[in-house]
Structures are given as structure tokens and as C-alpha cells.
Amino acid sequence: MCRHVLRFGAMGVVQSETQTTCPLLVEGTLAHPGEGAAREYFILLEIRDTAGKVLSRQSVGVGAVQQSEKRIFSLRVEISAFAS
């Protein structure tokens, strides 16, 4: 299954597969409260350093939930060795 992962490196250089770990995996479900019109949602991703400074901030998804609909969201952080 394609996981849409990009790896950057020099062309023509064969890179060995590195061990990847997943120190963070969060899943949650968003459901319409049951009454009224559709509800909009957006996913905001922020990455901060230890001092609290925002290093990156992106909106990664926008949508709407109709009555009786649900959305399931997953956040996964993977870490692998840095190959220089």
C-alpha cells in the first residue's frame, strides 16, 4: 500500500532501508452533534521546539460533517536515522 512517503537523496546512490519507530500515534473520531446544519472542521498541525517557538504551522485538511456522519483522524509521527 502506498504510504505517500518521500525520501530525498543523491541520484544514483542506493540507500539502505533504515529502522523506523513510531513514538506517537493518536487516533480520534469526530461526529456531528446530531442537530442542525453541517459542521465544518479543519486540521491544524503545529510543531514547536522545547522553548515553545512555532517551527511549522500548517492546515492539512478541511471538510464538513453532515448529520449522522463521522470522520476518523490519525496522527502518526515516525522517526528514522538521519542519513547524511
N, C-alpha and C. Protein backbone atom coordinates (compact mmCIF):
# COMPACT_ATOMS: atom_id res chain seq x y z
N MET A 1 0.85 -1.18 0.00
CA MET A 1 0.00 0.00 0.00
C MET A 1 0.89 1.24 0.00
N CYS A 2 0.62 2.16 -0.87
CA CYS A 2 1.41 3.39 -0.96
C CYS A 2 1.15 4.26 0.26
N ARG A 3 2.21 4.65 0.94
CA ARG A 3 2.08 5.49 2.13
C ARG A 3 2.44 6.94 1.83
N HIS A 4 2.68 7.27 0.55
CA HIS A 4 2.98 8.63 0.11
C HIS A 4 4.14 9.23 0.90
N VAL A 5 5.21 8.46 1.06
CA VAL A 5 6.39 8.92 1.78
C VAL A 5 7.46 9.28 0.77
N LEU A 6 8.03 10.45 0.91
CA LEU A 6 9.11 10.89 0.03
C LEU A 6 10.42 10.83 0.79
N ARG A 7 11.44 10.33 0.15
CA ARG A 7 12.78 10.33 0.74
C ARG A 7 13.70 11.02 -0.26
N PHE A 8 14.49 11.96 0.22
CA PHE A 8 15.37 12.72 -0.63
C PHE A 8 16.80 12.23 -0.47
N GLY A 9 17.52 12.13 -1.57
CA GLY A 9 18.91 11.71 -1.52
C GLY A 9 19.54 11.97 -2.88
N ALA A 10 20.83 11.72 -2.97
CA ALA A 10 21.55 11.92 -4.22
C ALA A 10 21.08 10.89 -5.24
N MET A 11 20.97 11.33 -6.49
CA MET A 11 20.55 10.41 -7.55
C MET A 11 21.62 9.37 -7.79
N GLY A 12 21.21 8.15 -8.01
CA GLY A 12 22.15 7.08 -8.31
C GLY A 12 22.77 6.45 -7.09
N VAL A 13 22.50 6.99 -5.91
CA VAL A 13 23.04 6.42 -4.69
C VAL A 13 22.00 5.49 -4.09
N VAL A 14 22.40 4.26 -3.83
CA VAL A 14 21.49 3.30 -3.24
C VAL A 14 21.50 3.52 -1.73
N GLN A 15 20.32 3.75 -1.17
CA GLN A 15 20.21 3.95 0.26
C GLN A 15 19.64 2.69 0.90
N SER A 16 20.23 2.28 2.02
CA SER A 16 19.71 1.11 2.71
C SER A 16 18.48 1.51 3.51
N GLU A 17 17.59 0.54 3.69
CA GLU A 17 16.40 0.79 4.49
C GLU A 17 16.81 1.00 5.94
N THR A 18 16.28 2.03 6.56
CA THR A 18 16.59 2.31 7.95
C THR A 18 15.42 1.89 8.82
N GLN A 19 15.73 1.55 10.05
CA GLN A 19 14.71 1.17 11.03
C GLN A 19 13.88 2.41 11.38
N THR A 20 12.59 2.29 11.35
CA THR A 20 11.70 3.39 11.69
C THR A 20 10.91 3.01 12.93
N THR A 21 10.79 3.97 13.85
CA THR A 21 9.98 3.76 15.04
C THR A 21 8.85 4.78 15.05
N CYS A 22 7.82 4.47 15.80
CA CYS A 22 6.65 5.35 15.89
C CYS A 22 6.42 5.70 17.37
N PRO A 23 7.02 6.82 17.84
CA PRO A 23 6.85 7.18 19.24
C PRO A 23 5.52 7.85 19.55
N LEU A 24 4.76 8.23 18.51
CA LEU A 24 3.49 8.90 18.75
C LEU A 24 2.46 8.46 17.72
N LEU A 25 1.33 7.95 18.20
CA LEU A 25 0.21 7.59 17.34
C LEU A 25 -1.06 7.98 18.09
N VAL A 26 -1.83 8.88 17.48
CA VAL A 26 -3.07 9.35 18.09
C VAL A 26 -4.19 9.16 17.08
N GLU A 27 -5.30 8.57 17.52
CA GLU A 27 -6.47 8.43 16.67
C GLU A 27 -7.67 8.99 17.41
N GLY A 28 -8.56 9.61 16.66
CA GLY A 28 -9.77 10.15 17.26
C GLY A 28 -10.90 10.19 16.26
N THR A 29 -12.10 10.29 16.77
CA THR A 29 -13.30 10.33 15.93
C THR A 29 -14.03 11.63 16.17
N LEU A 30 -14.45 12.25 15.08
CA LEU A 30 -15.24 13.47 15.12
C LEU A 30 -16.62 13.14 14.60
N ALA A 31 -17.65 13.45 15.37
CA ALA A 31 -19.02 13.16 14.95
C ALA A 31 -19.84 14.44 14.99
N HIS A 32 -20.79 14.55 14.10
CA HIS A 32 -21.73 15.67 14.12
C HIS A 32 -22.52 15.58 15.42
N PRO A 33 -22.80 16.71 16.08
CA PRO A 33 -23.51 16.66 17.37
C PRO A 33 -24.95 16.16 17.27
N GLY A 34 -25.48 16.03 16.05
CA GLY A 34 -26.79 15.42 15.91
C GLY A 34 -27.91 16.35 15.49
N GLU A 35 -27.78 17.63 15.73
CA GLU A 35 -28.83 18.57 15.35
C GLU A 35 -28.22 19.73 14.57
N GLY A 36 -29.01 20.27 13.66
CA GLY A 36 -28.58 21.45 12.92
C GLY A 36 -27.87 21.14 11.63
N ALA A 37 -27.34 22.20 11.05
CA ALA A 37 -26.68 22.12 9.75
C ALA A 37 -25.33 21.41 9.86
N ALA A 38 -24.71 21.22 8.71
CA ALA A 38 -23.39 20.61 8.66
C ALA A 38 -22.40 21.42 9.49
N ARG A 39 -21.41 20.75 10.03
CA ARG A 39 -20.36 21.41 10.82
C ARG A 39 -19.06 21.30 10.06
N GLU A 40 -18.34 22.42 9.96
CA GLU A 40 -17.05 22.44 9.30
C GLU A 40 -15.95 22.07 10.29
N TYR A 41 -14.89 21.47 9.78
CA TYR A 41 -13.71 21.19 10.59
C TYR A 41 -12.47 21.48 9.78
N PHE A 42 -11.38 21.72 10.48
CA PHE A 42 -10.08 21.79 9.83
C PHE A 42 -9.05 21.22 10.77
N ILE A 43 -7.97 20.70 10.20
CA ILE A 43 -6.91 20.12 10.98
C ILE A 43 -5.73 21.08 10.92
N LEU A 44 -5.28 21.49 12.08
CA LEU A 44 -4.16 22.41 12.18
C LEU A 44 -3.00 21.67 12.83
N LEU A 45 -1.86 21.67 12.19
CA LEU A 45 -0.67 20.99 12.69
C LEU A 45 0.36 22.04 13.08
N GLU A 46 0.82 21.99 14.31
CA GLU A 46 1.89 22.87 14.77
C GLU A 46 3.02 22.03 15.34
N ILE A 47 4.23 22.41 14.99
CA ILE A 47 5.43 21.78 15.55
C ILE A 47 6.18 22.88 16.28
N ARG A 48 6.49 22.62 17.56
CA ARG A 48 7.19 23.60 18.40
C ARG A 48 8.48 23.00 18.94
N ASP A 49 9.44 23.89 19.25
CA ASP A 49 10.65 23.43 19.92
C ASP A 49 10.44 23.44 21.43
N THR A 50 11.44 23.08 22.20
CA THR A 50 11.29 22.98 23.65
C THR A 50 11.03 24.33 24.31
N ALA A 51 11.39 25.43 23.64
CA ALA A 51 11.13 26.76 24.19
C ALA A 51 9.72 27.26 23.85
N GLY A 52 8.98 26.48 23.05
CA GLY A 52 7.63 26.86 22.68
C GLY A 52 7.52 27.64 21.39
N LYS A 53 8.65 27.89 20.72
CA LYS A 53 8.64 28.62 19.45
C LYS A 53 8.06 27.73 18.35
N VAL A 54 7.12 28.27 17.58
CA VAL A 54 6.49 27.52 16.49
C VAL A 54 7.48 27.40 15.34
N LEU A 55 7.83 26.15 15.00
CA LEU A 55 8.74 25.89 13.89
C LEU A 55 7.99 25.70 12.58
N SER A 56 6.79 25.16 12.66
CA SER A 56 5.98 24.92 11.48
C SER A 56 4.51 24.94 11.88
N ARG A 57 3.68 25.52 11.02
CA ARG A 57 2.23 25.55 11.25
C ARG A 57 1.55 25.39 9.91
N GLN A 58 0.70 24.36 9.79
CA GLN A 58 0.05 24.08 8.52
C GLN A 58 -1.38 23.61 8.75
N SER A 59 -2.25 24.02 7.86
CA SER A 59 -3.59 23.46 7.81
C SER A 59 -3.51 22.30 6.84
N VAL A 60 -3.83 21.08 7.31
CA VAL A 60 -3.63 19.89 6.48
C VAL A 60 -4.92 19.24 6.02
N GLY A 61 -6.05 19.75 6.43
CA GLY A 61 -7.31 19.17 5.99
C GLY A 61 -8.48 20.05 6.37
N VAL A 62 -9.43 20.17 5.46
CA VAL A 62 -10.64 20.94 5.69
C VAL A 62 -11.81 20.14 5.15
N GLY A 63 -12.92 20.16 5.87
CA GLY A 63 -14.07 19.42 5.38
C GLY A 63 -15.30 19.77 6.17
N ALA A 64 -16.34 18.99 5.96
CA ALA A 64 -17.61 19.19 6.64
C ALA A 64 -18.18 17.84 7.05
N VAL A 65 -18.94 17.87 8.13
CA VAL A 65 -19.60 16.67 8.64
C VAL A 65 -21.10 16.93 8.65
N GLN A 66 -21.85 16.11 7.94
CA GLN A 66 -23.30 16.20 7.92
C GLN A 66 -23.88 15.43 9.12
N GLN A 67 -25.16 15.61 9.38
CA GLN A 67 -25.81 14.85 10.45
C GLN A 67 -25.59 13.36 10.22
N SER A 68 -25.36 12.63 11.26
CA SER A 68 -25.13 11.18 11.30
C SER A 68 -23.83 10.75 10.63
N GLU A 69 -22.95 11.68 10.27
CA GLU A 69 -21.65 11.32 9.70
C GLU A 69 -20.56 11.40 10.77
N LYS A 70 -19.50 10.66 10.53
CA LYS A 70 -18.33 10.69 11.40
C LYS A 70 -17.08 10.74 10.54
N ARG A 71 -16.00 11.24 11.12
CA ARG A 71 -14.69 11.21 10.49
C ARG A 71 -13.70 10.64 11.50
N ILE A 72 -12.79 9.81 11.03
CA ILE A 72 -11.76 9.24 11.88
C ILE A 72 -10.42 9.84 11.44
N PHE A 73 -9.69 10.37 12.40
CA PHE A 73 -8.41 11.02 12.13
C PHE A 73 -7.30 10.25 12.81
N SER A 74 -6.15 10.18 12.15
CA SER A 74 -4.96 9.54 12.71
C SER A 74 -3.78 10.47 12.54
N LEU A 75 -2.98 10.58 13.59
CA LEU A 75 -1.73 11.32 13.54
C LEU A 75 -0.63 10.34 13.92
N ARG A 76 0.36 10.23 13.08
CA ARG A 76 1.46 9.31 13.32
C ARG A 76 2.77 10.05 13.10
N VAL A 77 3.66 9.95 14.07
CA VAL A 77 5.00 10.53 13.94
C VAL A 77 5.97 9.37 13.85
N GLU A 78 6.74 9.33 12.78
CA GLU A 78 7.73 8.27 12.60
C GLU A 78 9.12 8.88 12.67
N ILE A 79 10.04 8.14 13.30
CA ILE A 79 11.43 8.60 13.43
C ILE A 79 12.34 7.55 12.83
N SER A 80 13.30 8.00 12.03
CA SER A 80 14.30 7.09 11.49
C SER A 80 15.66 7.79 11.58
N ALA A 81 16.71 7.03 11.42
CA ALA A 81 18.06 7.58 11.46
C ALA A 81 18.25 8.55 10.30
N PHE A 82 18.96 9.63 10.56
CA PHE A 82 19.24 10.64 9.54
C PHE A 82 20.46 10.19 8.76
N ALA A 83 20.26 9.96 7.47
CA ALA A 83 21.36 9.54 6.62
C ALA A 83 21.92 10.76 5.91
N SER A 84 23.17 11.06 6.19
CA SER A 84 23.77 12.25 5.55
C SER A 84 24.75 11.86 4.47
